[in-house]
Amino acid sequence: MELHLPSCRSLKAKRGVVKPVVEGIRKRYSLAVAEVAHQDTWQRATIGVVALSGEASHAVDQIDAAERFVWSFPEIQVLSSDRHWLEID
């Protein structure tokens, strides 16, 4: 997810916004999550979220919930959200 953080004026302020999102997704949904780009930019962040499941529908539900969680933060503007799937037979 590409995020815009308009209120952040420093990297410290950015960490204060991004950290609760990353930790919240990790704890609430047991998903792997990390800031994967724009680490040195104050008002931008890219969050990567990974779900592993035996059923595609369960992975979709988990990713949907994580995305809704990010949207629930009023200080964050979601610019885009892309999904990529890897299926192993």
PDB file of N, CA and C in Angstrom:
ATOM      1  N   MET A   1       0.835  -1.174   0.000  1.00  0.00           N
ATOM      2  CA  MET A   1       0.000   0.000   0.000  1.00  0.00           C
ATOM      3  C   MET A   1       0.880   1.237   0.000  1.00  0.00           C
ATOM      4  N   GLU A   2       0.605   2.123  -0.914  1.00  0.00           N
ATOM      5  CA  GLU A   2       1.303   3.413  -0.988  1.00  0.00           C
ATOM      6  C   GLU A   2       0.542   4.400  -0.110  1.00  0.00           C
ATOM      7  N   LEU A   3       1.252   5.022   0.821  1.00  0.00           N
ATOM      8  CA  LEU A   3       0.624   5.916   1.785  1.00  0.00           C
ATOM      9  C   LEU A   3       1.199   7.321   1.700  1.00  0.00           C
ATOM     10  N   HIS A   4       0.345   8.296   1.943  1.00  0.00           N
ATOM     11  CA  HIS A   4       0.762   9.692   2.076  1.00  0.00           C
ATOM     12  C   HIS A   4       0.471  10.101   3.514  1.00  0.00           C
ATOM     13  N   LEU A   5       1.464  10.715   4.154  1.00  0.00           N
ATOM     14  CA  LEU A   5       1.357  11.121   5.560  1.00  0.00           C
ATOM     15  C   LEU A   5       1.525  12.635   5.635  1.00  0.00           C
ATOM     16  N   PRO A   6       0.483  13.396   5.323  1.00  0.00           N
ATOM     17  CA  PRO A   6       0.625  14.848   5.178  1.00  0.00           C
ATOM     18  C   PRO A   6       1.032  15.593   6.442  1.00  0.00           C
ATOM     19  N   SER A   7       0.762  15.051   7.615  1.00  0.00           N
ATOM     20  CA  SER A   7       1.080  15.768   8.846  1.00  0.00           C
ATOM     21  C   SER A   7       2.522  15.565   9.311  1.00  0.00           C
ATOM     22  N   CYS A   8       3.239  14.652   8.701  1.00  0.00           N
ATOM     23  CA  CYS A   8       4.608  14.345   9.142  1.00  0.00           C
ATOM     24  C   CYS A   8       5.596  15.377   8.615  1.00  0.00           C
ATOM     25  N   ARG A   9       6.402  15.910   9.525  1.00  0.00           N
ATOM     26  CA  ARG A   9       7.412  16.916   9.171  1.00  0.00           C
ATOM     27  C   ARG A   9       8.823  16.430   9.476  1.00  0.00           C
ATOM     28  N   SER A  10       8.948  15.160   9.886  1.00  0.00           N
ATOM     29  CA  SER A  10      10.259  14.580  10.161  1.00  0.00           C
ATOM     30  C   SER A  10      10.137  13.064  10.088  1.00  0.00           C
ATOM     31  N   LEU A  11      11.286  12.393  10.017  1.00  0.00           N
ATOM     32  CA  LEU A  11      11.276  10.932  10.016  1.00  0.00           C
ATOM     33  C   LEU A  11      10.771  10.387  11.350  1.00  0.00           C
ATOM     34  N   LYS A  12      11.054  11.111  12.426  1.00  0.00           N
ATOM     35  CA  LYS A  12      10.569  10.697  13.747  1.00  0.00           C
ATOM     36  C   LYS A  12       9.037  10.735  13.786  1.00  0.00           C
ATOM     37  N   ALA A  13       8.450  11.784  13.246  1.00  0.00           N
ATOM     38  CA  ALA A  13       6.987  11.889  13.186  1.00  0.00           C
ATOM     39  C   ALA A  13       6.411  10.784  12.305  1.00  0.00           C
ATOM     40  N   LYS A  14       7.089  10.495  11.208  1.00  0.00           N
ATOM     41  CA  LYS A  14       6.643   9.428  10.320  1.00  0.00           C
ATOM     42  C   LYS A  14       6.642   8.088  11.055  1.00  0.00           C
ATOM     43  N   ARG A  15       7.707   7.790  11.783  1.00  0.00           N
ATOM     44  CA  ARG A  15       7.769   6.537  12.547  1.00  0.00           C
ATOM     45  C   ARG A  15       6.616   6.448  13.536  1.00  0.00           C
ATOM     46  N   GLY A  16       6.251   7.583  14.123  1.00  0.00           N
ATOM     47  CA  GLY A  16       5.148   7.605  15.070  1.00  0.00           C
ATOM     48  C   GLY A  16       3.806   7.276  14.439  1.00  0.00           C
ATOM     49  N   VAL A  17       3.677   7.497  13.143  1.00  0.00           N
ATOM     50  CA  VAL A  17       2.438   7.168  12.427  1.00  0.00           C
ATOM     51  C   VAL A  17       2.503   5.750  11.865  1.00  0.00           C
ATOM     52  N   VAL A  18       3.629   5.378  11.280  1.00  0.00           N
ATOM     53  CA  VAL A  18       3.742   4.093  10.595  1.00  0.00           C
ATOM     54  C   VAL A  18       3.854   2.926  11.581  1.00  0.00           C
ATOM     55  N   LYS A  19       4.555   3.107  12.672  1.00  0.00           N
ATOM     56  CA  LYS A  19       4.788   2.014  13.619  1.00  0.00           C
ATOM     57  C   LYS A  19       3.496   1.414  14.168  1.00  0.00           C
ATOM     58  N   PRO A  20       2.518   2.211  14.612  1.00  0.00           N
ATOM     59  CA  PRO A  20       1.272   1.610  15.099  1.00  0.00           C
ATOM     60  C   PRO A  20       0.510   0.836  14.012  1.00  0.00           C
ATOM     61  N   VAL A  21       0.647   1.268  12.782  1.00  0.00           N
ATOM     62  CA  VAL A  21      -0.017   0.565  11.678  1.00  0.00           C
ATOM     63  C   VAL A  21       0.632  -0.799  11.472  1.00  0.00           C
ATOM     64  N   VAL A  22       1.954  -0.806  11.366  1.00  0.00           N
ATOM     65  CA  VAL A  22       2.686  -2.048  11.128  1.00  0.00           C
ATOM     66  C   VAL A  22       2.477  -3.026  12.286  1.00  0.00           C
ATOM     67  N   GLU A  23       2.642  -2.543  13.502  1.00  0.00           N
ATOM     68  CA  GLU A  23       2.479  -3.422  14.669  1.00  0.00           C
ATOM     69  C   GLU A  23       1.030  -3.877  14.839  1.00  0.00           C
ATOM     70  N   GLY A  24       0.092  -3.002  14.526  1.00  0.00           N
ATOM     71  CA  GLY A  24      -1.320  -3.364  14.625  1.00  0.00           C
ATOM     72  C   GLY A  24      -1.698  -4.473  13.662  1.00  0.00           C
ATOM     73  N   ILE A  25      -1.230  -4.376  12.430  1.00  0.00           N
ATOM     74  CA  ILE A  25      -1.508  -5.432  11.443  1.00  0.00           C
ATOM     75  C   ILE A  25      -0.865  -6.739  11.898  1.00  0.00           C
ATOM     76  N   ARG A  26       0.364  -6.649  12.362  1.00  0.00           N
ATOM     77  CA  ARG A  26       1.089  -7.846  12.799  1.00  0.00           C
ATOM     78  C   ARG A  26       0.362  -8.544  13.958  1.00  0.00           C
ATOM     79  N   LYS A  27      -0.083  -7.772  14.941  1.00  0.00           N
ATOM     80  CA  LYS A  27      -0.711  -8.353  16.130  1.00  0.00           C
ATOM     81  C   LYS A  27      -2.165  -8.776  15.897  1.00  0.00           C
ATOM     82  N   ARG A  28      -2.939  -7.928  15.243  1.00  0.00           N
ATOM     83  CA  ARG A  28      -4.370  -8.220  15.061  1.00  0.00           C
ATOM     84  C   ARG A  28      -4.635  -9.353  14.082  1.00  0.00           C
ATOM     85  N   TYR A  29      -3.853  -9.393  12.997  1.00  0.00           N
ATOM     86  CA  TYR A  29      -4.161 -10.314  11.907  1.00  0.00           C
ATOM     87  C   TYR A  29      -3.102 -11.394  11.698  1.00  0.00           C
ATOM     88  N   SER A  30      -2.034 -11.373  12.476  1.00  0.00           N
ATOM     89  CA  SER A  30      -0.941 -12.353  12.358  1.00  0.00           C
ATOM     90  C   SER A  30      -0.406 -12.432  10.931  1.00  0.00           C
ATOM     91  N   LEU A  31      -0.210 -11.274  10.329  1.00  0.00           N
ATOM     92  CA  LEU A  31       0.336 -11.189   8.978  1.00  0.00           C
ATOM     93  C   LEU A  31       1.755 -10.645   9.034  1.00  0.00           C
ATOM     94  N   ALA A  32       2.539 -10.990   8.041  1.00  0.00           N
ATOM     95  CA  ALA A  32       3.872 -10.405   7.908  1.00  0.00           C
ATOM     96  C   ALA A  32       3.700  -9.032   7.278  1.00  0.00           C
ATOM     97  N   VAL A  33       4.313  -8.012   7.863  1.00  0.00           N
ATOM     98  CA  VAL A  33       4.155  -6.644   7.376  1.00  0.00           C
ATOM     99  C   VAL A  33       5.430  -5.867   7.632  1.00  0.00           C
ATOM    100  N   ALA A  34       5.767  -4.980   6.692  1.00  0.00           N
ATOM    101  CA  ALA A  34       6.967  -4.150   6.837  1.00  0.00           C
ATOM    102  C   ALA A  34       6.837  -2.921   5.943  1.00  0.00           C
ATOM    103  N   GLU A  35       7.554  -1.881   6.334  1.00  0.00           N
ATOM    104  CA  GLU A  35       7.695  -0.724   5.448  1.00  0.00           C
ATOM    105  C   GLU A  35       8.753  -1.099   4.422  1.00  0.00           C
ATOM    106  N   VAL A  36       8.392  -1.109   3.149  1.00  0.00           N
ATOM    107  CA  VAL A  36       9.274  -1.652   2.117  1.00  0.00           C
ATOM    108  C   VAL A  36       9.862  -0.615   1.166  1.00  0.00           C
ATOM    109  N   ALA A  37       9.423   0.635   1.262  1.00  0.00           N
ATOM    110  CA  ALA A  37       9.969   1.688   0.394  1.00  0.00           C
ATOM    111  C   ALA A  37       9.729   3.047   1.034  1.00  0.00           C
ATOM    112  N   HIS A  38      10.448   4.030   0.544  1.00  0.00           N
ATOM    113  CA  HIS A  38      10.331   5.422   1.001  1.00  0.00           C
ATOM    114  C   HIS A  38      10.722   5.588   2.473  1.00  0.00           C
ATOM    115  N   GLN A  39      11.656   4.796   2.954  1.00  0.00           N
ATOM    116  CA  GLN A  39      12.052   4.880   4.354  1.00  0.00           C
ATOM    117  C   GLN A  39      12.669   6.228   4.715  1.00  0.00           C
ATOM    118  N   ASP A  40      13.268   6.924   3.760  1.00  0.00           N
ATOM    119  CA  ASP A  40      13.921   8.204   4.038  1.00  0.00           C
ATOM    120  C   ASP A  40      13.085   9.408   3.616  1.00  0.00           C
ATOM    121  N   THR A  41      11.825   9.192   3.317  1.00  0.00           N
ATOM    122  CA  THR A  41      10.930  10.269   2.896  1.00  0.00           C
ATOM    123  C   THR A  41       9.908  10.526   3.999  1.00  0.00           C
ATOM    124  N   TRP A  42       9.751  11.768   4.383  1.00  0.00           N
ATOM    125  CA  TRP A  42       8.897  12.129   5.514  1.00  0.00           C
ATOM    126  C   TRP A  42       7.429  11.786   5.315  1.00  0.00           C
ATOM    127  N   GLN A  43       6.893  12.115   4.165  1.00  0.00           N
ATOM    128  CA  GLN A  43       5.449  12.040   3.981  1.00  0.00           C
ATOM    129  C   GLN A  43       4.991  10.878   3.110  1.00  0.00           C
ATOM    130  N   ARG A  44       5.861   9.961   2.806  1.00  0.00           N
ATOM    131  CA  ARG A  44       5.495   8.793   1.987  1.00  0.00           C
ATOM    132  C   ARG A  44       5.916   7.528   2.707  1.00  0.00           C
ATOM    133  N   ALA A  45       5.144   6.481   2.498  1.00  0.00           N
ATOM    134  CA  ALA A  45       5.498   5.160   3.010  1.00  0.00           C
ATOM    135  C   ALA A  45       4.863   4.118   2.103  1.00  0.00           C
ATOM    136  N   THR A  46       5.540   3.015   1.969  1.00  0.00           N
ATOM    137  CA  THR A  46       4.972   1.864   1.276  1.00  0.00           C
ATOM    138  C   THR A  46       5.017   0.698   2.252  1.00  0.00           C
ATOM    139  N   ILE A  47       3.852   0.141   2.510  1.00  0.00           N
ATOM    140  CA  ILE A  47       3.715  -0.969   3.442  1.00  0.00           C
ATOM    141  C   ILE A  47       3.449  -2.233   2.636  1.00  0.00           C
ATOM    142  N   GLY A  48       4.218  -3.274   2.910  1.00  0.00           N
ATOM    143  CA  GLY A  48       3.991  -4.576   2.293  1.00  0.00           C
ATOM    144  C   GLY A  48       3.395  -5.522   3.321  1.00  0.00           C
ATOM    145  N   VAL A  49       2.346  -6.228   2.918  1.00  0.00           N
ATOM    146  CA  VAL A  49       1.663  -7.171   3.802  1.00  0.00           C
ATOM    147  C   VAL A  49       1.615  -8.521   3.095  1.00  0.00           C
ATOM    148  N   VAL A  50       1.940  -9.587   3.831  1.00  0.00           N
ATOM    149  CA  VAL A  50       1.966 -10.932   3.249  1.00  0.00           C
ATOM    150  C   VAL A  50       1.058 -11.856   4.044  1.00  0.00           C
ATOM    151  N   ALA A  51       0.217 -12.592   3.313  1.00  0.00           N
ATOM    152  CA  ALA A  51      -0.646 -13.602   3.927  1.00  0.00           C
ATOM    153  C   ALA A  51      -0.355 -14.946   3.276  1.00  0.00           C
ATOM    154  N   LEU A  52      -0.175 -15.958   4.104  1.00  0.00           N
ATOM    155  CA  LEU A  52       0.001 -17.331   3.627  1.00  0.00           C
ATOM    156  C   LEU A  52      -1.192 -18.140   4.098  1.00  0.00           C
ATOM    157  N   SER A  53      -1.790 -18.895   3.178  1.00  0.00           N
ATOM    158  CA  SER A  53      -2.964 -19.659   3.555  1.00  0.00           C
ATOM    159  C   SER A  53      -3.145 -20.831   2.605  1.00  0.00           C
ATOM    160  N   GLY A  54      -3.794 -21.850   3.096  1.00  0.00           N
ATOM    161  CA  GLY A  54      -4.135 -22.997   2.262  1.00  0.00           C
ATOM    162  C   GLY A  54      -5.323 -22.711   1.362  1.00  0.00           C
ATOM    163  N   GLU A  55      -6.072 -21.660   1.678  1.00  0.00           N
ATOM    164  CA  GLU A  55      -7.237 -21.277   0.885  1.00  0.00           C
ATOM    165  C   GLU A  55      -7.127 -19.815   0.475  1.00  0.00           C
ATOM    166  N   ALA A  56      -7.352 -19.561  -0.794  1.00  0.00           N
ATOM    167  CA  ALA A  56      -7.249 -18.195  -1.311  1.00  0.00           C
ATOM    168  C   ALA A  56      -8.257 -17.265  -0.632  1.00  0.00           C
ATOM    169  N   SER A  57      -9.441 -17.762  -0.348  1.00  0.00           N
ATOM    170  CA  SER A  57     -10.475 -16.912   0.252  1.00  0.00           C
ATOM    171  C   SER A  57     -10.056 -16.423   1.642  1.00  0.00           C
ATOM    172  N   HIS A  58      -9.361 -17.259   2.386  1.00  0.00           N
ATOM    173  CA  HIS A  58      -8.893 -16.845   3.708  1.00  0.00           C
ATOM    174  C   HIS A  58      -7.828 -15.758   3.581  1.00  0.00           C
ATOM    175  N   ALA A  59      -6.913 -15.905   2.640  1.00  0.00           N
ATOM    176  CA  ALA A  59      -5.878 -14.890   2.415  1.00  0.00           C
ATOM    177  C   ALA A  59      -6.516 -13.571   1.991  1.00  0.00           C
ATOM    178  N   VAL A  60      -7.508 -13.634   1.129  1.00  0.00           N
ATOM    179  CA  VAL A  60      -8.202 -12.413   0.685  1.00  0.00           C
ATOM    180  C   VAL A  60      -8.874 -11.724   1.868  1.00  0.00           C
ATOM    181  N   ASP A  61      -9.543 -12.499   2.718  1.00  0.00           N
ATOM    182  CA  ASP A  61     -10.204 -11.924   3.894  1.00  0.00           C
ATOM    183  C   ASP A  61      -9.198 -11.233   4.815  1.00  0.00           C
ATOM    184  N   GLN A  62      -8.049 -11.844   5.032  1.00  0.00           N
ATOM    185  CA  GLN A  62      -7.025 -11.283   5.905  1.00  0.00           C
ATOM    186  C   GLN A  62      -6.450  -9.982   5.326  1.00  0.00           C
ATOM    187  N   ILE A  63      -6.154  -9.991   4.041  1.00  0.00           N
ATOM    188  CA  ILE A  63      -5.608  -8.789   3.396  1.00  0.00           C
ATOM    189  C   ILE A  63      -6.662  -7.677   3.384  1.00  0.00           C
ATOM    190  N   ASP A  64      -7.920  -8.025   3.116  1.00  0.00           N
ATOM    191  CA  ASP A  64      -8.999  -7.029   3.165  1.00  0.00           C
ATOM    192  C   ASP A  64      -9.087  -6.390   4.549  1.00  0.00           C
ATOM    193  N   ALA A  65      -9.006  -7.201   5.591  1.00  0.00           N
ATOM    194  CA  ALA A  65      -9.081  -6.682   6.959  1.00  0.00           C
ATOM    195  C   ALA A  65      -7.901  -5.762   7.259  1.00  0.00           C
ATOM    196  N   ALA A  66      -6.714  -6.148   6.829  1.00  0.00           N
ATOM    197  CA  ALA A  66      -5.529  -5.311   7.051  1.00  0.00           C
ATOM    198  C   ALA A  66      -5.672  -3.980   6.309  1.00  0.00           C
ATOM    199  N   GLU A  67      -6.205  -4.030   5.109  1.00  0.00           N
ATOM    200  CA  GLU A  67      -6.392  -2.793   4.340  1.00  0.00           C
ATOM    201  C   GLU A  67      -7.420  -1.876   5.021  1.00  0.00           C
ATOM    202  N   ARG A  68      -8.509  -2.436   5.505  1.00  0.00           N
ATOM    203  CA  ARG A  68      -9.499  -1.628   6.234  1.00  0.00           C
ATOM    204  C   ARG A  68      -8.875  -1.011   7.486  1.00  0.00           C
ATOM    205  N   PHE A  69      -8.001  -1.762   8.146  1.00  0.00           N
ATOM    206  CA  PHE A  69      -7.305  -1.258   9.328  1.00  0.00           C
ATOM    207  C   PHE A  69      -6.482  -0.021   8.973  1.00  0.00           C
ATOM    208  N   VAL A  70      -5.750  -0.066   7.875  1.00  0.00           N
ATOM    209  CA  VAL A  70      -4.941   1.088   7.447  1.00  0.00           C
ATOM    210  C   VAL A  70      -5.853   2.271   7.133  1.00  0.00           C
ATOM    211  N   TRP A  71      -6.958   2.018   6.442  1.00  0.00           N
ATOM    212  CA  TRP A  71      -7.894   3.094   6.103  1.00  0.00           C
ATOM    213  C   TRP A  71      -8.504   3.727   7.350  1.00  0.00           C
ATOM    214  N   SER A  72      -8.489   3.047   8.481  1.00  0.00           N
ATOM    215  CA  SER A  72      -9.126   3.581   9.695  1.00  0.00           C
ATOM    216  C   SER A  72      -8.311   4.681  10.368  1.00  0.00           C
ATOM    217  N   PHE A  73      -7.070   4.889   9.933  1.00  0.00           N
ATOM    218  CA  PHE A  73      -6.231   5.932  10.514  1.00  0.00           C
ATOM    219  C   PHE A  73      -6.484   7.252   9.782  1.00  0.00           C
ATOM    220  N   PRO A  74      -7.063   8.254  10.459  1.00  0.00           N
ATOM    221  CA  PRO A  74      -7.407   9.505   9.780  1.00  0.00           C
ATOM    222  C   PRO A  74      -6.190  10.304   9.301  1.00  0.00           C
ATOM    223  N   GLU A  75      -5.023  10.090   9.903  1.00  0.00           N
ATOM    224  CA  GLU A  75      -3.833  10.842   9.504  1.00  0.00           C
ATOM    225  C   GLU A  75      -3.109  10.234   8.305  1.00  0.00           C
ATOM    226  N   ILE A  76      -3.661   9.141   7.770  1.00  0.00           N
ATOM    227  CA  ILE A  76      -3.047   8.461   6.626  1.00  0.00           C
ATOM    228  C   ILE A  76      -3.966   8.543   5.429  1.00  0.00           C
ATOM    229  N   GLN A  77      -3.386   8.884   4.289  1.00  0.00           N
ATOM    230  CA  GLN A  77      -4.106   8.843   3.017  1.00  0.00           C
ATOM    231  C   GLN A  77      -3.541   7.679   2.211  1.00  0.00           C
ATOM    232  N   VAL A  78      -4.401   6.749   1.835  1.00  0.00           N
ATOM    233  CA  VAL A  78      -3.969   5.613   1.023  1.00  0.00           C
ATOM    234  C   VAL A  78      -3.997   6.052  -0.432  1.00  0.00           C
ATOM    235  N   LEU A  79      -2.829   6.075  -1.071  1.00  0.00           N
ATOM    236  CA  LEU A  79      -2.724   6.488  -2.463  1.00  0.00           C
ATOM    237  C   LEU A  79      -3.067   5.353  -3.409  1.00  0.00           C
ATOM    238  N   SER A  80      -2.608   4.144  -3.076  1.00  0.00           N
ATOM    239  CA  SER A  80      -2.917   2.983  -3.910  1.00  0.00           C
ATOM    240  C   SER A  80      -2.688   1.713  -3.117  1.00  0.00           C
ATOM    241  N   SER A  81      -3.300   0.664  -3.607  1.00  0.00           N
ATOM    242  CA  SER A  81      -3.138  -0.648  -3.001  1.00  0.00           C
ATOM    243  C   SER A  81      -3.098  -1.670  -4.121  1.00  0.00           C
ATOM    244  N   ASP A  82      -2.002  -2.390  -4.223  1.00  0.00           N
ATOM    245  CA  ASP A  82      -1.840  -3.407  -5.262  1.00  0.00           C
ATOM    246  C   ASP A  82      -1.754  -4.772  -4.605  1.00  0.00           C
ATOM    247  N   ARG A  83      -2.251  -5.767  -5.311  1.00  0.00           N
ATOM    248  CA  ARG A  83      -2.167  -7.139  -4.811  1.00  0.00           C
ATOM    249  C   ARG A  83      -1.511  -8.018  -5.862  1.00  0.00           C
ATOM    250  N   HIS A  84      -0.647  -8.876  -5.373  1.00  0.00           N
ATOM    251  CA  HIS A  84       0.034  -9.838  -6.225  1.00  0.00           C
ATOM    252  C   HIS A  84      -0.119 -11.206  -5.578  1.00  0.00           C
ATOM    253  N   TRP A  85      -0.415 -12.205  -6.388  1.00  0.00           N
ATOM    254  CA  TRP A  85      -0.666 -13.545  -5.870  1.00  0.00           C
ATOM    255  C   TRP A  85       0.392 -14.503  -6.377  1.00  0.00           C
ATOM    256  N   LEU A  86       0.764 -15.422  -5.525  1.00  0.00           N
ATOM    257  CA  LEU A  86       1.647 -16.522  -5.899  1.00  0.00           C
ATOM    258  C   LEU A  86       0.984 -17.797  -5.449  1.00  0.00           C
ATOM    259  N   GLU A  87       0.638 -18.625  -6.404  1.00  0.00           N
ATOM    260  CA  GLU A  87      -0.006 -19.895  -6.080  1.00  0.00           C
ATOM    261  C   GLU A  87       0.990 -21.019  -6.386  1.00  0.00           C
ATOM    262  N   ILE A  88       1.093 -21.920  -5.435  1.00  0.00           N
ATOM    263  CA  ILE A  88       1.998 -23.054  -5.600  1.00  0.00           C
ATOM    264  C   ILE A  88       1.159 -24.322  -5.607  1.00  0.00           C
ATOM    265  N   ASP A  89       1.371 -25.127  -6.615  1.00  0.00           N
ATOM    266  CA  ASP A  89       0.613 -26.393  -6.709  1.00  0.00           C
ATOM    267  C   ASP A  89       1.275 -27.475  -5.924  1.00  0.00           C
TER     268      ASP A  89
END
